[in-house]
């Protein structure tokens, strides 16, 4: 099930497959320009849940704030 609202909103229920994978719906991929090979950042917090965001906006921030941290690709 998915819901598209006017403008910049989208919601969907996705199922986790047997390998622990989910499919990002076409509408959401189009909205964020996600294509095969795109890198995404997964953020998890036990109290707040899981968020998946594009990696690009955070790369420069991480490099600036934590220059000695190694980021695995």
PDB file of N, CA and C in Angstrom:
ATOM      1  N   UNK A   1       0.842  -1.178   0.000  1.00  0.00           N
ATOM      2  CA  UNK A   1       0.000   0.000   0.000  1.00  0.00           C
ATOM      3  C   UNK A   1       0.883   1.235   0.000  1.00  0.00           C
ATOM      4  N   UNK A   2       0.537   2.218  -0.801  1.00  0.00           N
ATOM      5  CA  UNK A   2       1.266   3.485  -0.800  1.00  0.00           C
ATOM      6  C   UNK A   2       0.281   4.642  -0.885  1.00  0.00           C
ATOM      7  N   UNK A   3       0.731   5.782  -0.379  1.00  0.00           N
ATOM      8  CA  UNK A   3      -0.088   6.989  -0.388  1.00  0.00           C
ATOM      9  C   UNK A   3       0.767   8.121  -0.915  1.00  0.00           C
ATOM     10  N   UNK A   4       0.306   8.787  -1.958  1.00  0.00           N
ATOM     11  CA  UNK A   4       0.999   9.947  -2.485  1.00  0.00           C
ATOM     12  C   UNK A   4       0.147  11.172  -2.196  1.00  0.00           C
ATOM     13  N   UNK A   5       0.766  12.147  -1.552  1.00  0.00           N
ATOM     14  CA  UNK A   5       0.066  13.387  -1.223  1.00  0.00           C
ATOM     15  C   UNK A   5       0.580  14.487  -2.145  1.00  0.00           C
ATOM     16  N   UNK A   6      -0.167  15.557  -2.292  1.00  0.00           N
ATOM     17  CA  UNK A   6       0.291  16.654  -3.137  1.00  0.00           C
ATOM     18  C   UNK A   6       1.658  17.173  -2.682  1.00  0.00           C
ATOM     19  N   UNK A   7       2.487  17.508  -3.647  1.00  0.00           N
ATOM     20  CA  UNK A   7       3.778  18.103  -3.310  1.00  0.00           C
ATOM     21  C   UNK A   7       4.862  17.093  -3.007  1.00  0.00           C
ATOM     22  N   UNK A   8       5.411  17.186  -1.810  1.00  0.00           N
ATOM     23  CA  UNK A   8       6.617  16.432  -1.485  1.00  0.00           C
ATOM     24  C   UNK A   8       6.407  15.328  -0.456  1.00  0.00           C
ATOM     25  N   UNK A   9       5.242  14.735  -0.409  1.00  0.00           N
ATOM     26  CA  UNK A   9       4.939  13.706   0.593  1.00  0.00           C
ATOM     27  C   UNK A   9       4.652  12.362  -0.065  1.00  0.00           C
ATOM     28  N   UNK A  10       5.122  11.280   0.575  1.00  0.00           N
ATOM     29  CA  UNK A  10       4.869   9.929   0.099  1.00  0.00           C
ATOM     30  C   UNK A  10       5.009   8.989   1.276  1.00  0.00           C
ATOM     31  N   UNK A  11       4.156   7.998   1.360  1.00  0.00           N
ATOM     32  CA  UNK A  11       4.243   6.980   2.405  1.00  0.00           C
ATOM     33  C   UNK A  11       3.918   5.639   1.786  1.00  0.00           C
ATOM     34  N   UNK A  12       4.558   4.579   2.275  1.00  0.00           N
ATOM     35  CA  UNK A  12       4.302   3.243   1.754  1.00  0.00           C
ATOM     36  C   UNK A  12       4.565   2.212   2.835  1.00  0.00           C
ATOM     37  N   UNK A  13       3.874   1.103   2.737  1.00  0.00           N
ATOM     38  CA  UNK A  13       4.159  -0.052   3.580  1.00  0.00           C
ATOM     39  C   UNK A  13       4.898  -1.038   2.693  1.00  0.00           C
ATOM     40  N   UNK A  14       6.087  -1.459   3.135  1.00  0.00           N
ATOM     41  CA  UNK A  14       6.876  -2.421   2.373  1.00  0.00           C
ATOM     42  C   UNK A  14       7.128  -3.643   3.241  1.00  0.00           C
ATOM     43  N   UNK A  15       7.346  -4.777   2.597  1.00  0.00           N
ATOM     44  CA  UNK A  15       7.621  -6.017   3.320  1.00  0.00           C
ATOM     45  C   UNK A  15       9.105  -6.335   3.253  1.00  0.00           C
ATOM     46  N   UNK A  16       9.610  -6.932   4.316  1.00  0.00           N
ATOM     47  CA  UNK A  16      10.988  -7.393   4.357  1.00  0.00           C
ATOM     48  C   UNK A  16      11.020  -8.799   3.759  1.00  0.00           C
ATOM     49  N   UNK A  17      11.885  -8.980   2.762  1.00  0.00           N
ATOM     50  CA  UNK A  17      12.002 -10.271   2.100  1.00  0.00           C
ATOM     51  C   UNK A  17      12.820 -11.258   2.923  1.00  0.00           C
ATOM     52  N   UNK A  18      12.938 -12.483   2.446  1.00  0.00           N
ATOM     53  CA  UNK A  18      13.641 -13.527   3.189  1.00  0.00           C
ATOM     54  C   UNK A  18      15.123 -13.229   3.423  1.00  0.00           C
ATOM     55  N   UNK A  19      15.709 -12.363   2.618  1.00  0.00           N
ATOM     56  CA  UNK A  19      17.116 -11.992   2.790  1.00  0.00           C
ATOM     57  C   UNK A  19      17.268 -10.684   3.571  1.00  0.00           C
ATOM     58  N   UNK A  20      16.175 -10.184   4.150  1.00  0.00           N
ATOM     59  CA  UNK A  20      16.230  -8.940   4.921  1.00  0.00           C
ATOM     60  C   UNK A  20      16.192  -7.694   4.058  1.00  0.00           C
ATOM     61  N   UNK A  21      15.813  -7.822   2.813  1.00  0.00           N
ATOM     62  CA  UNK A  21      15.794  -6.693   1.895  1.00  0.00           C
ATOM     63  C   UNK A  21      14.390  -6.104   1.773  1.00  0.00           C
ATOM     64  N   UNK A  22      14.340  -4.803   1.457  1.00  0.00           N
ATOM     65  CA  UNK A  22      13.071  -4.154   1.156  1.00  0.00           C
ATOM     66  C   UNK A  22      13.167  -3.541  -0.237  1.00  0.00           C
ATOM     67  N   UNK A  23      12.026  -3.337  -0.865  1.00  0.00           N
ATOM     68  CA  UNK A  23      11.974  -2.662  -2.152  1.00  0.00           C
ATOM     69  C   UNK A  23      11.495  -1.237  -1.903  1.00  0.00           C
ATOM     70  N   UNK A  24      12.266  -0.270  -2.383  1.00  0.00           N
ATOM     71  CA  UNK A  24      11.853   1.127  -2.279  1.00  0.00           C
ATOM     72  C   UNK A  24      10.900   1.380  -3.447  1.00  0.00           C
ATOM     73  N   UNK A  25       9.663   1.794  -3.170  1.00  0.00           N
ATOM     74  CA  UNK A  25       8.688   1.981  -4.245  1.00  0.00           C
ATOM     75  C   UNK A  25       9.169   2.966  -5.319  1.00  0.00           C
ATOM     76  N   UNK A  26       8.733   2.709  -6.537  1.00  0.00           N
ATOM     77  CA  UNK A  26       9.124   3.517  -7.699  1.00  0.00           C
ATOM     78  C   UNK A  26       8.896   5.006  -7.458  1.00  0.00           C
ATOM     79  N   UNK A  27       7.752   5.357  -6.871  1.00  0.00           N
ATOM     80  CA  UNK A  27       7.438   6.774  -6.642  1.00  0.00           C
ATOM     81  C   UNK A  27       8.464   7.427  -5.716  1.00  0.00           C
ATOM     82  N   UNK A  28       8.894   6.716  -4.689  1.00  0.00           N
ATOM     83  CA  UNK A  28       9.886   7.260  -3.755  1.00  0.00           C
ATOM     84  C   UNK A  28      11.256   7.350  -4.427  1.00  0.00           C
ATOM     85  N   UNK A  29      11.621   6.331  -5.220  1.00  0.00           N
ATOM     86  CA  UNK A  29      12.904   6.387  -5.940  1.00  0.00           C
ATOM     87  C   UNK A  29      12.935   7.579  -6.878  1.00  0.00           C
ATOM     88  N   UNK A  30      11.826   7.813  -7.583  1.00  0.00           N
ATOM     89  CA  UNK A  30      11.760   8.952  -8.510  1.00  0.00           C
ATOM     90  C   UNK A  30      11.848  10.272  -7.755  1.00  0.00           C
ATOM     91  N   UNK A  31      11.154  10.364  -6.634  1.00  0.00           N
ATOM     92  CA  UNK A  31      11.129  11.593  -5.841  1.00  0.00           C
ATOM     93  C   UNK A  31      12.533  12.006  -5.400  1.00  0.00           C
ATOM     94  N   UNK A  32      13.377  11.013  -5.069  1.00  0.00           N
ATOM     95  CA  UNK A  32      14.706  11.301  -4.539  1.00  0.00           C
ATOM     96  C   UNK A  32      15.838  11.013  -5.514  1.00  0.00           C
ATOM     97  N   UNK A  33      15.496  10.666  -6.750  1.00  0.00           N
ATOM     98  CA  UNK A  33      16.533  10.408  -7.742  1.00  0.00           C
ATOM     99  C   UNK A  33      17.388   9.196  -7.410  1.00  0.00           C
ATOM    100  N   UNK A  34      16.791   8.189  -6.792  1.00  0.00           N
ATOM    101  CA  UNK A  34      17.518   6.975  -6.425  1.00  0.00           C
ATOM    102  C   UNK A  34      17.510   6.033  -7.616  1.00  0.00           C
ATOM    103  N   UNK A  35      18.714   5.653  -8.041  1.00  0.00           N
ATOM    104  CA  UNK A  35      18.881   4.759  -9.175  1.00  0.00           C
ATOM    105  C   UNK A  35      19.748   3.585  -8.750  1.00  0.00           C
ATOM    106  N   UNK A  36      19.785   2.509  -9.554  1.00  0.00           N
ATOM    107  CA  UNK A  36      20.673   1.398  -9.228  1.00  0.00           C
ATOM    108  C   UNK A  36      22.098   1.907  -8.999  1.00  0.00           C
ATOM    109  N   UNK A  37      22.710   1.480  -7.930  1.00  0.00           N
ATOM    110  CA  UNK A  37      24.059   1.920  -7.582  1.00  0.00           C
ATOM    111  C   UNK A  37      24.100   3.124  -6.661  1.00  0.00           C
ATOM    112  N   UNK A  38      22.955   3.780  -6.413  1.00  0.00           N
ATOM    113  CA  UNK A  38      22.930   4.915  -5.489  1.00  0.00           C
ATOM    114  C   UNK A  38      23.295   4.442  -4.085  1.00  0.00           C
ATOM    115  N   UNK A  39      24.023   5.294  -3.358  1.00  0.00           N
ATOM    116  CA  UNK A  39      24.349   4.992  -1.963  1.00  0.00           C
ATOM    117  C   UNK A  39      23.367   5.705  -1.057  1.00  0.00           C
ATOM    118  N   UNK A  40      22.866   4.980  -0.066  1.00  0.00           N
ATOM    119  CA  UNK A  40      21.927   5.542   0.901  1.00  0.00           C
ATOM    120  C   UNK A  40      22.508   5.401   2.298  1.00  0.00           C
ATOM    121  N   UNK A  41      22.130   6.281   3.190  1.00  0.00           N
ATOM    122  CA  UNK A  41      22.563   6.247   4.577  1.00  0.00           C
ATOM    123  C   UNK A  41      21.402   5.741   5.420  1.00  0.00           C
ATOM    124  N   UNK A  42      21.637   4.686   6.189  1.00  0.00           N
ATOM    125  CA  UNK A  42      20.613   4.137   7.066  1.00  0.00           C
ATOM    126  C   UNK A  42      20.926   4.582   8.483  1.00  0.00           C
ATOM    127  N   UNK A  43      19.962   5.245   9.110  1.00  0.00           N
ATOM    128  CA  UNK A  43      20.099   5.704  10.491  1.00  0.00           C
ATOM    129  C   UNK A  43      19.121   4.913  11.337  1.00  0.00           C
ATOM    130  N   UNK A  44      19.574   4.414  12.479  1.00  0.00           N
ATOM    131  CA  UNK A  44      18.698   3.615  13.332  1.00  0.00           C
ATOM    132  C   UNK A  44      18.813   4.059  14.780  1.00  0.00           C
ATOM    133  N   UNK A  45      17.677   4.132  15.430  1.00  0.00           N
ATOM    134  CA  UNK A  45      17.589   4.480  16.844  1.00  0.00           C
ATOM    135  C   UNK A  45      16.477   3.622  17.429  1.00  0.00           C
ATOM    136  N   UNK A  46      16.771   2.894  18.513  1.00  0.00           N
ATOM    137  CA  UNK A  46      15.767   1.996  19.083  1.00  0.00           C
ATOM    138  C   UNK A  46      14.473   2.705  19.441  1.00  0.00           C
ATOM    139  N   UNK A  47      14.557   3.927  19.906  1.00  0.00           N
ATOM    140  CA  UNK A  47      13.357   4.650  20.335  1.00  0.00           C
ATOM    141  C   UNK A  47      12.613   5.299  19.167  1.00  0.00           C
ATOM    142  N   UNK A  48      13.353   5.751  18.144  1.00  0.00           N
ATOM    143  CA  UNK A  48      12.719   6.520  17.076  1.00  0.00           C
ATOM    144  C   UNK A  48      12.526   5.747  15.780  1.00  0.00           C
ATOM    145  N   UNK A  49      13.218   4.639  15.594  1.00  0.00           N
ATOM    146  CA  UNK A  49      13.029   3.836  14.395  1.00  0.00           C
ATOM    147  C   UNK A  49      14.167   3.951  13.410  1.00  0.00           C
ATOM    148  N   UNK A  50      13.865   3.654  12.154  1.00  0.00           N
ATOM    149  CA  UNK A  50      14.858   3.624  11.082  1.00  0.00           C
ATOM    150  C   UNK A  50      14.502   4.685  10.048  1.00  0.00           C
ATOM    151  N   UNK A  51      15.536   5.365   9.559  1.00  0.00           N
ATOM    152  CA  UNK A  51      15.380   6.327   8.467  1.00  0.00           C
ATOM    153  C   UNK A  51      16.408   5.999   7.397  1.00  0.00           C
ATOM    154  N   UNK A  52      16.026   6.125   6.153  1.00  0.00           N
ATOM    155  CA  UNK A  52      16.942   5.917   5.036  1.00  0.00           C
ATOM    156  C   UNK A  52      16.968   7.208   4.241  1.00  0.00           C
ATOM    157  N   UNK A  53      18.158   7.775   4.089  1.00  0.00           N
ATOM    158  CA  UNK A  53      18.300   9.056   3.389  1.00  0.00           C
ATOM    159  C   UNK A  53      19.427   8.961   2.373  1.00  0.00           C
ATOM    160  N   UNK A  54      19.435   9.884   1.427  1.00  0.00           N
ATOM    161  CA  UNK A  54      20.537   9.941   0.460  1.00  0.00           C
ATOM    162  C   UNK A  54      21.823  10.244   1.201  1.00  0.00           C
ATOM    163  N   UNK A  55      22.903   9.643   0.769  1.00  0.00           N
ATOM    164  CA  UNK A  55      24.193   9.816   1.425  1.00  0.00           C
ATOM    165  C   UNK A  55      24.822  11.175   1.129  1.00  0.00           C
ATOM    166  N   UNK A  56      24.640  11.687  -0.069  1.00  0.00           N
ATOM    167  CA  UNK A  56      25.351  12.872  -0.520  1.00  0.00           C
ATOM    168  C   UNK A  56      25.258  14.078   0.420  1.00  0.00           C
ATOM    169  N   UNK A  57      24.070  14.436   0.915  1.00  0.00           N
ATOM    170  CA  UNK A  57      24.014  15.614   1.785  1.00  0.00           C
ATOM    171  C   UNK A  57      24.841  15.478   3.065  1.00  0.00           C
ATOM    172  N   UNK A  58      25.141  14.256   3.473  1.00  0.00           N
ATOM    173  CA  UNK A  58      25.852  14.053   4.722  1.00  0.00           C
ATOM    174  C   UNK A  58      27.359  13.868   4.534  1.00  0.00           C
ATOM    175  N   UNK A  59      27.820  13.530   3.340  1.00  0.00           N
ATOM    176  CA  UNK A  59      29.236  13.263   3.105  1.00  0.00           C
ATOM    177  C   UNK A  59      30.113  14.456   3.481  1.00  0.00           C
ATOM    178  N   UNK A  60      29.814  15.650   2.967  1.00  0.00           N
ATOM    179  CA  UNK A  60      30.622  16.833   3.282  1.00  0.00           C
ATOM    180  C   UNK A  60      30.571  17.163   4.769  1.00  0.00           C
ATOM    181  N   UNK A  61      29.384  17.021   5.361  1.00  0.00           N
ATOM    182  CA  UNK A  61      29.230  17.289   6.790  1.00  0.00           C
ATOM    183  C   UNK A  61      30.121  16.355   7.611  1.00  0.00           C
ATOM    184  N   UNK A  62      30.083  15.068   7.297  1.00  0.00           N
ATOM    185  CA  UNK A  62      30.888  14.088   8.030  1.00  0.00           C
ATOM    186  C   UNK A  62      32.373  14.380   7.828  1.00  0.00           C
ATOM    187  N   UNK A  63      32.779  14.667   6.610  1.00  0.00           N
ATOM    188  CA  UNK A  63      34.184  14.966   6.332  1.00  0.00           C
ATOM    189  C   UNK A  63      34.660  16.200   7.085  1.00  0.00           C
ATOM    190  N   UNK A  64      33.791  17.186   7.256  1.00  0.00           N
ATOM    191  CA  UNK A  64      34.153  18.415   7.951  1.00  0.00           C
ATOM    192  C   UNK A  64      34.185  18.231   9.463  1.00  0.00           C
ATOM    193  N   UNK A  65      33.168  17.594  10.002  1.00  0.00           N
ATOM    194  CA  UNK A  65      33.035  17.460  11.457  1.00  0.00           C
ATOM    195  C   UNK A  65      33.934  16.370  12.018  1.00  0.00           C
ATOM    196  N   UNK A  66      34.103  15.300  11.273  1.00  0.00           N
ATOM    197  CA  UNK A  66      34.885  14.161  11.768  1.00  0.00           C
ATOM    198  C   UNK A  66      35.936  13.755  10.731  1.00  0.00           C
ATOM    199  N   UNK A  67      36.949  14.615  10.487  1.00  0.00           N
ATOM    200  CA  UNK A  67      37.895  14.323   9.419  1.00  0.00           C
ATOM    201  C   UNK A  67      38.740  13.073   9.633  1.00  0.00           C
ATOM    202  N   UNK A  68      38.840  12.593  10.858  1.00  0.00           N
ATOM    203  CA  UNK A  68      39.664  11.409  11.121  1.00  0.00           C
ATOM    204  C   UNK A  68      38.858  10.123  11.099  1.00  0.00           C
ATOM    205  N   UNK A  69      37.540  10.224  10.920  1.00  0.00           N
ATOM    206  CA  UNK A  69      36.677   9.035  10.884  1.00  0.00           C
ATOM    207  C   UNK A  69      36.722   8.437   9.482  1.00  0.00           C
ATOM    208  N   UNK A  70      36.893   7.125   9.403  1.00  0.00           N
ATOM    209  CA  UNK A  70      36.879   6.425   8.124  1.00  0.00           C
ATOM    210  C   UNK A  70      35.448   6.047   7.789  1.00  0.00           C
ATOM    211  N   UNK A  71      34.991   6.420   6.613  1.00  0.00           N
ATOM    212  CA  UNK A  71      33.657   6.078   6.164  1.00  0.00           C
ATOM    213  C   UNK A  71      33.775   4.939   5.165  1.00  0.00           C
ATOM    214  N   UNK A  72      33.202   3.777   5.500  1.00  0.00           N
ATOM    215  CA  UNK A  72      33.227   2.629   4.595  1.00  0.00           C
ATOM    216  C   UNK A  72      32.235   2.848   3.479  1.00  0.00           C
ATOM    217  N   UNK A  73      32.656   2.569   2.267  1.00  0.00           N
ATOM    218  CA  UNK A  73      31.774   2.696   1.098  1.00  0.00           C
ATOM    219  C   UNK A  73      31.027   1.412   0.885  1.00  0.00           C
TER     220      UNK A  73
END
